[in-house]
């Protein structure tokens, strides 16, 4: 997901979500807004942990770091701890729900100002 967001590959990003869920709809709406911004982000994922796993569902936690690396529109760099519920659909893991545990603004990237 991080690479898709960094490269503005929004259709590919949406394909990582379970279609038809409230979260899929919310993600789609957010991406439609983002696509109108003059903004380049570098998104990375750190500290991935599997909290629970069965044959068809899993809960994972991770830290997402989003840094502005270009563009005219303002965007705060953020460090967000999240939890995803994943479902195995036709043999592929898809994100189904997300929970933001914490979200903290970080220092701006000097070259992005």
Protein backbone atom coordinates (compact mmCIF):
# COMPACT_ATOMS: atom_id res chain seq x y z
CA UNK A 1 0.00 0.00 0.00
CA UNK A 2 2.78 2.44 0.85
CA UNK A 3 4.34 2.20 -2.61
CA UNK A 4 0.95 2.67 -4.29
CA UNK A 5 0.29 5.81 -2.24
CA UNK A 6 3.80 7.18 -2.80
CA UNK A 7 3.44 6.65 -6.56
CA UNK A 8 -0.15 7.95 -6.67
CA UNK A 9 -1.34 4.57 -7.98
CA UNK A 10 -4.74 4.97 -6.36
CA UNK A 11 -6.56 2.20 -8.27
CA UNK A 12 -3.89 -0.30 -7.22
CA UNK A 13 -4.13 0.98 -3.64
CA UNK A 14 -7.91 0.52 -3.62
CA UNK A 15 -7.48 -3.04 -4.91
CA UNK A 16 -5.82 -3.89 -1.58
CA UNK A 17 -9.14 -3.21 0.21
CA UNK A 18 -12.21 -5.42 0.50
CA UNK A 19 -14.66 -3.94 -2.00
CA UNK A 20 -18.04 -2.75 -0.76
CA UNK A 21 -16.99 -2.16 2.85
CA UNK A 22 -17.46 1.18 4.59
CA UNK A 23 -13.68 1.52 4.77
CA UNK A 24 -13.31 0.90 1.01
CA UNK A 25 -15.84 3.68 0.35
CA UNK A 26 -14.05 6.03 2.77
CA UNK A 27 -10.65 5.26 1.24
CA UNK A 28 -12.03 5.89 -2.27
CA UNK A 29 -13.49 9.26 -1.22
CA UNK A 30 -10.20 10.28 0.39
CA UNK A 31 -8.20 9.29 -2.70
CA UNK A 32 -10.52 11.29 -4.95
CA UNK A 33 -9.75 14.38 -2.85
CA UNK A 34 -6.01 13.63 -2.81
CA UNK A 35 -5.92 13.25 -6.58
CA UNK A 36 -6.79 16.95 -6.94
CA UNK A 37 -3.85 18.12 -4.77
CA UNK A 38 -0.44 19.18 -6.02
CA UNK A 39 1.28 16.91 -3.55
CA UNK A 40 3.97 14.24 -3.62
CA UNK A 41 4.30 11.99 -0.57
CA UNK A 42 6.74 9.31 0.47
CA UNK A 43 4.86 6.74 2.54
CA UNK A 44 6.67 3.99 4.42
CA UNK A 45 5.48 1.19 6.69
CA UNK A 46 7.46 0.20 9.78
CA UNK A 47 7.17 -2.26 12.66
CA UNK A 48 4.58 -4.61 11.18
CA UNK A 49 3.22 -7.04 13.77
CA UNK A 50 0.67 -9.82 13.35
CA UNK A 51 -1.59 -9.61 16.42
CA UNK A 52 -4.02 -12.41 15.51
CA UNK A 53 -4.37 -14.80 12.60
CA UNK A 54 -6.77 -17.53 11.51
CA UNK A 55 -7.11 -19.19 8.12
CA UNK A 56 -9.38 -16.39 6.85
CA UNK A 57 -8.76 -13.30 9.02
CA UNK A 58 -5.85 -11.48 10.60
CA UNK A 59 -5.22 -8.37 12.65
CA UNK A 60 -1.97 -6.50 12.07
CA UNK A 61 -0.49 -3.36 13.55
CA UNK A 62 2.11 -1.10 11.99
CA UNK A 63 3.47 2.41 11.88
CA UNK A 64 2.90 4.47 8.74
CA UNK A 65 5.18 7.42 8.10
CA UNK A 66 3.97 9.96 5.53
CA UNK A 67 6.39 12.71 4.46
CA UNK A 68 5.77 15.46 1.97
CA UNK A 69 8.51 15.40 -0.67
CA UNK A 70 7.05 17.82 -3.21
CA UNK A 71 4.11 19.81 -4.46
CA UNK A 72 2.52 23.18 -3.65
CA UNK A 73 -0.32 22.05 -1.39
CA UNK A 74 0.29 21.91 2.37
CA UNK A 75 0.49 18.55 4.09
CA UNK A 76 1.77 17.77 7.59
CA UNK A 77 4.28 14.96 7.86
CA UNK A 78 2.69 12.33 10.09
CA UNK A 79 3.58 9.21 12.03
CA UNK A 80 0.49 7.04 12.48
CA UNK A 81 0.10 3.80 14.39
CA UNK A 82 -2.68 1.74 12.80
CA UNK A 83 -4.38 -1.62 13.08
CA UNK A 84 -5.91 -3.37 10.08
CA UNK A 85 -8.29 -6.27 10.00
CA UNK A 86 -7.51 -8.39 6.95
CA UNK A 87 -9.72 -10.97 5.24
CA UNK A 88 -8.57 -13.67 2.87
CA UNK A 89 -10.75 -13.30 -0.24
CA UNK A 90 -10.22 -15.68 -3.15
CA UNK A 91 -6.76 -16.50 -1.81
CA UNK A 92 -5.66 -12.85 -1.43
CA UNK A 93 -5.44 -10.87 1.81
CA UNK A 94 -7.51 -7.66 1.64
CA UNK A 95 -7.74 -4.89 4.22
CA UNK A 96 -11.25 -4.75 5.61
CA UNK A 97 -11.18 -2.24 8.46
CA UNK A 98 -8.65 0.15 9.91
CA UNK A 99 -8.24 1.71 13.31
CA UNK A 100 -5.94 4.66 13.94
CA UNK A 101 -4.33 4.12 17.34
CA UNK A 102 -2.26 7.32 17.33
CA UNK A 103 -1.41 9.99 14.77
CA UNK A 104 1.32 12.50 15.46
CA UNK A 105 2.55 15.35 13.25
CA UNK A 106 6.30 15.19 12.68
CA UNK A 107 8.81 17.83 11.57
CA UNK A 108 8.39 19.15 8.01
CA UNK A 109 10.79 17.92 5.38
CA UNK A 110 13.08 20.93 4.64
CA UNK A 111 13.16 20.41 0.86
CA UNK A 112 9.32 20.24 0.73
CA UNK A 113 8.76 23.75 2.11
